[in-house]
Amino acid sequence: MLILSVNGQKQSFAETDFPATLAALVSALGLRAEVTVAEVDGEIVPQSRFAEHAIKPASQIELVQFVDRKSTRLNSSHIPL
């Protein structure tokens, strides 16, 4: 199993299911990239780079999704895994 930290919560993935890019992770979590802001290992990643931004096991990822002009920091209850 490979592990990521998403909004402070450990998420485990089988090696065959590990999201190689930020875009793959956002999709796997059922989120809409166009309203999601991401920080990976302390670096803000522009939406335009989600598809090319590689993530690795043990990455620390923070995701914030904007809904109705307000931001919502996603927590484990919002992440469908």
Protein backbone atom coordinates (compact mmCIF):
# COMPACT_ATOMS: atom_id res chain seq x y z
CA MET A 1 0.00 0.00 0.00
CA LEU A 2 1.12 3.54 -0.82
CA ILE A 3 0.09 6.41 1.43
CA LEU A 4 -0.69 10.08 0.80
CA SER A 5 -1.69 12.68 3.34
CA VAL A 6 -4.75 14.54 2.06
CA ASN A 7 -5.88 17.41 4.29
CA GLY A 8 -4.12 15.79 7.22
CA GLN A 9 -5.76 12.40 6.71
CA LYS A 10 -3.77 9.37 5.59
CA GLN A 11 -5.13 7.85 2.36
CA SER A 12 -3.94 4.40 1.29
CA PHE A 13 -3.78 3.24 -2.31
CA ALA A 14 -2.83 -0.06 -3.89
CA GLU A 15 0.21 0.37 -6.12
CA THR A 16 -1.96 -0.18 -9.21
CA ASP A 17 -4.44 2.52 -8.09
CA PHE A 18 -1.98 5.16 -6.92
CA PRO A 19 -2.74 8.51 -8.64
CA ALA A 20 0.43 9.54 -10.48
CA THR A 21 -0.64 13.16 -10.94
CA LEU A 22 -2.62 15.75 -9.03
CA ALA A 23 -5.29 15.60 -11.76
CA ALA A 24 -5.62 11.84 -11.22
CA LEU A 25 -6.00 12.33 -7.46
CA VAL A 26 -8.61 15.07 -7.85
CA SER A 27 -10.53 12.82 -10.25
CA ALA A 28 -10.20 9.77 -7.98
CA LEU A 29 -11.68 11.80 -5.13
CA GLY A 30 -14.63 12.84 -7.31
CA LEU A 31 -13.73 16.52 -7.17
CA ARG A 32 -14.09 19.16 -9.88
CA ALA A 33 -10.64 20.48 -10.77
CA GLU A 34 -11.99 23.82 -11.97
CA VAL A 35 -13.12 24.75 -8.44
CA THR A 36 -10.26 23.09 -6.53
CA VAL A 37 -7.11 24.72 -5.20
CA ALA A 38 -4.22 22.42 -4.31
CA GLU A 39 -1.03 22.60 -2.31
CA VAL A 40 1.45 19.73 -2.59
CA ASP A 41 4.32 19.55 -0.12
CA GLY A 42 3.96 23.25 0.66
CA GLU A 43 3.77 24.38 -2.99
CA ILE A 44 0.59 25.88 -4.49
CA VAL A 45 -0.11 24.10 -7.78
CA PRO A 46 -2.06 26.08 -10.42
CA GLN A 47 -5.03 24.25 -11.92
CA SER A 48 -3.34 24.49 -15.30
CA ARG A 49 -0.59 22.19 -13.95
CA PHE A 50 -2.74 19.54 -12.24
CA ALA A 51 -2.31 17.10 -15.17
CA GLU A 52 1.48 17.40 -15.22
CA HIS A 53 2.18 17.74 -11.50
CA ALA A 54 3.44 14.34 -10.33
CA ILE A 55 2.74 13.21 -6.80
CA LYS A 56 4.64 10.57 -4.90
CA PRO A 57 3.96 8.38 -1.90
CA ALA A 58 4.14 10.32 1.37
CA SER A 59 3.22 13.61 -0.36
CA GLN A 60 1.40 16.10 1.88
CA ILE A 61 -1.58 17.44 -0.06
CA GLU A 62 -4.10 20.10 0.90
CA LEU A 63 -7.23 20.53 -1.20
CA VAL A 64 -9.72 23.38 -0.97
CA GLN A 65 -12.84 23.46 -3.09
CA PHE A 66 -14.79 26.64 -3.80
CA VAL A 67 -18.54 26.28 -3.62
CA ASP A 68 -21.03 29.14 -3.94
CA ARG A 69 -18.35 31.81 -3.55
CA LYS A 70 -17.13 30.26 -0.30
CA SER A 71 -14.19 27.96 0.18
CA THR A 72 -14.50 24.62 1.87
CA ARG A 73 -11.43 22.80 3.15
CA LEU A 74 -12.17 19.20 2.38
CA ASN A 75 -11.91 16.77 5.24
CA SER A 76 -12.11 13.01 5.31
CA SER A 77 -15.91 13.07 5.45
CA HIS A 78 -15.96 14.93 2.09
CA ILE A 79 -13.50 12.63 0.34
CA PRO A 80 -15.18 9.57 -1.19
CA LEU A 81 -12.59 6.80 -1.06
